[in-house]
Amino acid sequence: MAWGSGSGPEELAWSPGTVPRSPPGLEAKLGSLVLLLLLPLACGLAPLCCFRQPPSSADARSPVLSLVSCFAGGVFLATCLLDLLPDYLASISAALDRLCVTLQFPLPEFILAMGFFLVLVLEQVALAQQEPSTVPEETRALLPTASIPTPSPQPPPALPGARGAVRAGLLVLALALHAVLEGLALGLQEAEGAVLRVCLALLLHKCVVAFSLALKLLRGRLRPPAVGACLALFAAMSPLGVGLGTAVAAGAGPRQQLCRGVLEGLAAGTFLYITFLEILPQELGVPQHRVPKVILLLAGFALVTAILFIKI
């Protein structure tokens, strides 16, 4: 049978040189996934090995940890403003153009704000569950003297360990959802340089958060196995977000591109929240070491700026 003429047999021919291409930046994402899993877990387990007894509140925030957090804040700020935001705006604009959609509403900015408020609501709900319910001082002042009962010895609250475990679980759950959105920002990147820059910011932040979380759980009198389980859950969430973002970024259709743009906006809003409501107020609100904190904040910003300038 002759195969030389006709277009049908030629369409069925298989060329051994055609190999399916892997998604862009896949190797860098796999390496980042492993680092985001192992390094925060190691930093979180360090207090379990260093402290024979639960640390006090005064020792929970060391100056070195605070300075590293300021450097991470500068990295987060530069990564968000100089890298994630421009890529997000270009991506969602291209997706809307491919769908022939013309908007009179600032949709990209609205999606960015929704990512900001999403993390804000999650964190505030978790914090509200941890705050003890007390009678306000104004209400006590309005009560007549006769209605105030005579203080008597009260029995200890029932199941304090269970209550502390519930509060710790809510805190870890909020941080885990937070970490998924952070990993999503990395998984949605395509260029290897962008993957490495986001990975650097996430590693610095997650290692500090994991160390602080372990100290907080130890002060809450949780047993070391429970602390280790909480840290493992927290460490696994960012790699999960990386995997989800990589799967979404693999789609090439206009709707998949729009979905990717929306998720990039939510992730960029997460970075804004971490920088302006989590890192900077917490670190700069403490009066000690103000000048070194500002210097390290600018150093973190300058590092990402230099990486973007030379296009690593």
Protein backbone atom coordinates (compact mmCIF):
# COMPACT_ATOMS: atom_id res chain seq x y z
CA MET A 1 0.00 0.00 0.00
CA ALA A 2 1.36 3.40 -0.99
CA TRP A 3 1.44 6.10 1.65
CA GLY A 4 2.96 8.84 -0.50
CA SER A 5 -0.18 10.59 -1.80
CA GLY A 6 -3.21 11.86 0.05
CA SER A 7 -3.54 13.76 3.27
CA GLY A 8 -5.29 11.03 5.31
CA PRO A 9 -2.34 8.65 5.90
CA GLU A 10 -0.03 11.59 6.55
CA GLU A 11 -2.26 12.77 9.39
CA LEU A 12 -1.97 9.35 11.02
CA ALA A 13 1.81 9.30 10.85
CA TRP A 14 3.57 9.51 14.20
CA SER A 15 6.80 11.38 14.62
CA PRO A 16 9.04 10.16 17.46
CA GLY A 17 10.42 13.67 17.92
CA THR A 18 7.14 15.13 19.20
CA VAL A 19 7.26 14.98 23.00
CA PRO A 20 4.58 16.66 25.14
CA ARG A 21 6.01 19.83 26.64
CA SER A 22 5.90 20.24 30.37
CA PRO A 23 4.24 23.36 31.81
CA PRO A 24 6.58 26.37 32.03
CA GLY A 25 8.52 26.65 35.26
CA LEU A 26 7.53 23.14 36.38
CA GLU A 27 11.00 22.20 37.64
CA ALA A 28 11.26 25.39 39.71
CA LYS A 29 7.78 24.79 41.12
CA LEU A 30 8.66 21.24 42.15
CA GLY A 31 11.78 22.44 43.91
CA SER A 32 9.84 25.23 45.60
CA LEU A 33 7.18 22.75 46.70
CA VAL A 34 9.76 20.61 48.47
CA LEU A 35 11.39 23.64 50.12
CA LEU A 36 8.04 25.04 51.27
CA LEU A 37 7.25 21.70 52.88
CA LEU A 38 10.56 20.92 54.60
CA LEU A 39 12.03 24.26 55.73
CA PRO A 40 8.95 25.63 57.57
CA LEU A 41 8.44 22.23 59.17
CA ALA A 42 12.05 22.22 60.38
CA CYS A 43 11.73 25.77 61.75
CA GLY A 44 8.50 24.81 63.51
CA LEU A 45 10.01 21.71 65.09
CA ALA A 46 13.06 23.63 66.35
CA PRO A 47 11.30 24.94 69.52
CA LEU A 48 10.28 21.39 70.40
CA CYS A 49 13.95 20.43 70.48
CA CYS A 50 15.30 23.64 72.04
CA PHE A 51 12.90 24.20 74.93
CA ARG A 52 12.59 21.69 77.74
CA GLN A 53 9.63 23.61 79.14
CA PRO A 54 7.11 25.95 77.47
CA PRO A 55 8.60 29.41 76.88
CA SER A 56 7.09 32.46 78.54
CA SER A 57 5.36 35.24 76.66
CA ALA A 58 8.39 37.48 77.10
CA ASP A 59 10.63 35.01 75.27
CA ALA A 60 8.19 34.30 72.47
CA ARG A 61 9.40 37.09 70.20
CA SER A 62 13.17 37.36 70.04
CA PRO A 63 14.90 40.36 68.41
CA VAL A 64 16.46 38.13 65.74
CA LEU A 65 13.05 36.74 64.79
CA SER A 66 11.63 40.25 64.62
CA LEU A 67 14.44 41.48 62.37
CA VAL A 68 14.06 38.50 60.03
CA SER A 69 10.34 39.21 59.85
CA CYS A 70 11.05 42.82 58.84
CA PHE A 71 13.34 41.60 56.05
CA ALA A 72 10.54 39.25 54.93
CA GLY A 73 8.14 42.20 54.98
CA GLY A 74 10.34 44.09 52.53
CA VAL A 75 10.52 41.04 50.29
CA PHE A 76 6.73 40.64 50.43
CA LEU A 77 6.14 44.33 49.67
CA ALA A 78 8.41 44.33 46.61
CA THR A 79 7.11 40.97 45.37
CA CYS A 80 3.52 42.18 45.58
CA LEU A 81 3.91 45.71 44.15
CA LEU A 82 6.60 45.07 41.53
CA ASP A 83 5.92 41.47 40.45
CA LEU A 84 2.52 40.02 41.32
CA LEU A 85 0.38 43.10 40.68
CA PRO A 86 1.72 43.90 37.17
CA ASP A 87 1.47 40.23 36.13
CA TYR A 88 -2.06 39.97 37.52
CA LEU A 89 -3.31 43.12 35.78
CA ALA A 90 -1.79 42.05 32.46
CA SER A 91 -3.19 38.52 32.79
CA ILE A 92 -6.76 39.48 33.56
CA SER A 93 -6.76 42.21 30.89
CA ALA A 94 -5.60 39.69 28.28
CA ALA A 95 -8.26 37.19 29.41
CA LEU A 96 -11.03 39.80 29.16
CA ASP A 97 -9.80 40.84 25.70
CA ARG A 98 -9.86 37.21 24.49
CA LEU A 99 -13.45 36.90 25.73
CA CYS A 100 -14.36 40.24 24.08
CA VAL A 101 -15.62 41.63 27.39
CA THR A 102 -15.74 45.38 27.96
CA LEU A 103 -16.21 46.53 31.55
CA GLN A 104 -17.31 49.83 33.04
CA PHE A 105 -16.53 48.51 36.53
CA PRO A 106 -12.99 48.23 37.99
CA LEU A 107 -13.15 44.43 38.20
CA PRO A 108 -9.39 43.77 38.62
CA GLU A 109 -9.16 46.11 41.60
CA PHE A 110 -12.35 44.62 43.07
CA ILE A 111 -10.92 41.08 42.87
CA LEU A 112 -7.74 42.33 44.56
CA ALA A 113 -9.80 43.82 47.39
CA MET A 114 -11.76 40.57 47.76
CA GLY A 115 -8.51 38.66 48.28
CA PHE A 116 -7.55 41.19 50.96
CA PHE A 117 -10.92 40.92 52.73
CA LEU A 118 -10.99 37.12 52.45
CA VAL A 119 -7.88 36.74 54.60
CA LEU A 120 -9.03 39.55 56.91
CA VAL A 121 -12.36 37.83 57.62
CA LEU A 122 -10.76 34.41 58.15
CA GLU A 123 -8.21 35.78 60.60
CA GLN A 124 -10.68 37.92 62.55
CA VAL A 125 -13.14 35.03 62.91
CA ALA A 126 -10.35 32.82 64.25
CA LEU A 127 -9.21 35.53 66.67
CA ALA A 128 -12.78 36.15 67.85
CA GLN A 129 -13.09 32.48 68.79
CA GLN A 130 -9.93 32.72 70.93
CA GLU A 131 -10.92 35.82 72.90
CA PRO A 132 -12.55 35.02 76.28
CA SER A 133 -15.99 36.46 76.83
CA THR A 134 -15.96 38.94 79.72
CA VAL A 135 -18.49 41.38 81.11
CA PRO A 136 -17.71 44.92 79.88
CA GLU A 137 -16.57 47.41 82.48
CA GLU A 138 -19.37 49.83 81.51
CA THR A 139 -21.98 47.17 82.29
CA ARG A 140 -20.39 46.43 85.66
CA ALA A 141 -20.39 50.12 86.57
CA LEU A 142 -24.14 50.40 85.83
CA LEU A 143 -25.06 47.43 88.04
CA PRO A 144 -26.33 48.35 91.54
CA THR A 145 -24.17 47.32 94.46
CA ALA A 146 -26.76 44.93 95.83
CA SER A 147 -26.93 43.04 92.56
CA ILE A 148 -23.22 42.27 92.58
CA PRO A 149 -22.75 38.84 94.17
CA THR A 150 -20.23 38.38 96.92
CA PRO A 151 -17.05 36.87 95.47
CA SER A 152 -16.67 33.27 96.40
CA PRO A 153 -14.11 30.62 95.52
CA GLN A 154 -14.85 29.38 92.02
CA PRO A 155 -13.98 25.92 90.79
CA PRO A 156 -11.50 25.73 87.96
CA PRO A 157 -13.01 25.86 84.44
CA ALA A 158 -13.92 22.52 83.02
CA LEU A 159 -11.68 20.97 80.44
CA PRO A 160 -9.14 23.81 79.99
CA GLY A 161 -7.02 21.58 77.82
CA ALA A 162 -9.91 20.88 75.47
CA ARG A 163 -10.72 24.57 75.21
CA GLY A 164 -7.09 25.40 74.46
CA ALA A 165 -7.00 22.65 71.85
CA VAL A 166 -10.09 24.08 70.13
CA ARG A 167 -8.57 27.56 70.04
CA ALA A 168 -5.26 26.20 68.74
CA GLY A 169 -7.13 24.26 66.08
CA LEU A 170 -8.94 27.39 64.91
CA LEU A 171 -5.66 29.28 64.75
CA VAL A 172 -3.97 26.53 62.74
CA LEU A 173 -6.99 26.27 60.41
CA ALA A 174 -6.89 30.00 59.67
CA LEU A 175 -3.14 29.85 59.02
CA ALA A 176 -3.60 26.76 56.83
CA LEU A 177 -6.21 28.45 54.61
CA HIS A 178 -3.92 31.46 54.50
CA ALA A 179 -1.02 29.25 53.38
CA VAL A 180 -3.09 27.70 50.58
CA LEU A 181 -3.68 31.15 49.07
CA GLU A 182 0.03 31.95 49.40
CA GLY A 183 1.00 28.74 47.59
CA LEU A 184 -1.60 29.50 44.93
CA ALA A 185 0.29 32.68 44.07
CA LEU A 186 3.42 30.62 43.40
CA GLY A 187 1.69 27.90 41.41
CA LEU A 188 0.08 30.43 39.05
CA GLN A 189 3.45 31.86 37.97
CA GLU A 190 4.88 30.74 34.63
CA ALA A 191 8.41 32.18 34.42
CA GLU A 192 11.09 30.51 36.54
CA GLY A 193 12.34 33.86 37.80
CA ALA A 194 8.88 34.79 39.09
CA VAL A 195 8.58 31.37 40.76
CA LEU A 196 11.90 31.84 42.56
CA ARG A 197 11.04 35.35 43.74
CA VAL A 198 7.67 34.31 45.16
CA CYS A 199 9.30 31.22 46.71
CA LEU A 200 11.89 33.40 48.47
CA ALA A 201 9.18 35.61 49.96
CA LEU A 202 7.08 32.63 51.08
CA LEU A 203 10.04 30.79 52.62
CA LEU A 204 11.07 33.76 54.74
CA HIS A 205 7.54 34.39 55.93
CA LYS A 206 6.51 30.78 56.51
CA CYS A 207 9.66 29.91 58.47
CA VAL A 208 9.06 32.84 60.84
CA VAL A 209 5.35 31.99 61.16
CA ALA A 210 6.06 28.30 61.80
CA PHE A 211 8.57 29.12 64.55
CA SER A 212 6.16 31.57 66.19
CA LEU A 213 3.25 29.14 65.86
CA ALA A 214 5.21 26.40 67.62
CA LEU A 215 6.02 28.77 70.50
CA LYS A 216 2.38 29.81 70.80
CA LEU A 217 1.16 26.21 70.84
CA LEU A 218 3.74 25.26 73.47
CA ARG A 219 2.65 28.16 75.68
CA GLY A 220 -0.91 26.87 75.29
CA ARG A 221 0.21 23.66 77.03
CA LEU A 222 -0.35 21.45 73.99
CA ARG A 223 1.53 18.18 73.97
CA PRO A 224 4.48 17.86 71.58
CA PRO A 225 2.74 15.27 69.33
CA ALA A 226 -0.23 17.64 68.90
CA VAL A 227 2.13 20.53 68.15
CA GLY A 228 3.93 18.41 65.57
CA ALA A 229 0.64 17.48 63.89
CA CYS A 230 -0.41 21.14 63.71
CA LEU A 231 2.94 22.10 62.20
CA ALA A 232 2.73 19.29 59.63
CA LEU A 233 -0.73 20.49 58.57
CA PHE A 234 0.46 24.08 58.30
CA ALA A 235 3.59 23.10 56.31
CA ALA A 236 1.60 20.98 53.84
CA MET A 237 -0.87 23.71 52.89
CA SER A 238 1.44 25.87 50.77
CA PRO A 239 2.55 22.89 48.63
CA LEU A 240 -1.14 22.07 48.19
CA GLY A 241 -1.73 25.61 46.95
CA VAL A 242 1.25 25.29 44.60
CA GLY A 243 -0.25 22.14 43.10
CA LEU A 244 -3.67 23.74 42.64
CA GLY A 245 -2.16 26.82 41.05
CA THR A 246 -0.04 24.73 38.67
CA ALA A 247 -3.11 22.76 37.57
CA VAL A 248 -5.08 25.95 36.92
CA ALA A 249 -2.15 27.59 35.07
CA ALA A 250 -1.94 24.60 32.67
CA GLY A 251 -5.24 25.58 31.01
CA ALA A 252 -4.83 27.49 27.75
CA GLY A 253 -8.44 28.48 26.95
CA PRO A 254 -9.81 31.99 27.53
CA ARG A 255 -12.03 30.88 30.40
CA GLN A 256 -9.14 29.06 32.06
CA GLN A 257 -7.04 32.19 31.63
CA LEU A 258 -9.78 34.30 33.24
CA CYS A 259 -10.00 31.83 36.15
CA ARG A 260 -6.25 32.02 36.54
CA GLY A 261 -6.40 35.83 36.54
CA VAL A 262 -9.07 35.84 39.25
CA LEU A 263 -6.99 33.52 41.44
CA GLU A 264 -3.91 35.66 40.86
CA GLY A 265 -5.88 38.68 42.07
CA LEU A 266 -6.98 36.87 45.22
CA ALA A 267 -3.39 35.79 45.87
CA ALA A 268 -2.09 39.34 45.33
CA GLY A 269 -4.68 40.59 47.83
CA THR A 270 -3.35 38.00 50.27
CA PHE A 271 0.17 39.39 49.85
CA LEU A 272 -1.12 42.92 50.49
CA TYR A 273 -2.78 41.79 53.70
CA ILE A 274 0.33 39.96 54.94
CA THR A 275 2.50 43.01 54.30
CA PHE A 276 0.35 45.87 55.57
CA LEU A 277 -1.74 44.28 58.33
CA GLU A 278 0.38 41.39 59.57
CA ILE A 279 4.11 42.03 59.26
CA LEU A 280 4.63 45.80 59.28
CA PRO A 281 2.23 46.82 62.11
CA GLN A 282 3.36 43.94 64.33
CA GLU A 283 7.07 44.61 63.93
CA LEU A 284 7.20 48.40 63.61
CA GLY A 285 4.74 48.87 66.47
CA VAL A 286 7.31 47.53 68.95
CA PRO A 287 9.64 50.35 70.13
CA GLN A 288 12.85 48.29 70.19
CA HIS A 289 15.35 48.24 67.28
CA ARG A 290 13.43 50.66 65.08
CA VAL A 291 16.36 51.71 62.87
CA PRO A 292 17.62 48.14 62.17
CA LYS A 293 14.06 47.10 61.35
CA VAL A 294 13.68 49.88 58.77
CA ILE A 295 17.09 49.06 57.29
CA LEU A 296 16.20 45.38 56.91
CA LEU A 297 12.80 46.29 55.47
CA LEU A 298 14.51 48.40 52.80
CA ALA A 299 17.10 45.65 52.26
CA GLY A 300 14.37 43.08 51.54
CA PHE A 301 12.70 45.49 49.12
CA ALA A 302 16.04 46.27 47.43
CA LEU A 303 16.85 42.57 47.04
CA VAL A 304 13.70 41.83 45.04
CA THR A 305 14.13 45.08 43.08
CA ALA A 306 17.65 44.07 42.08
CA ILE A 307 16.49 40.59 41.05
CA LEU A 308 13.77 42.11 38.89
CA PHE A 309 16.21 44.62 37.42
CA ILE A 310 18.74 42.05 36.29
CA LYS A 311 15.95 39.60 35.29
CA ILE A 312 17.23 36.47 37.01
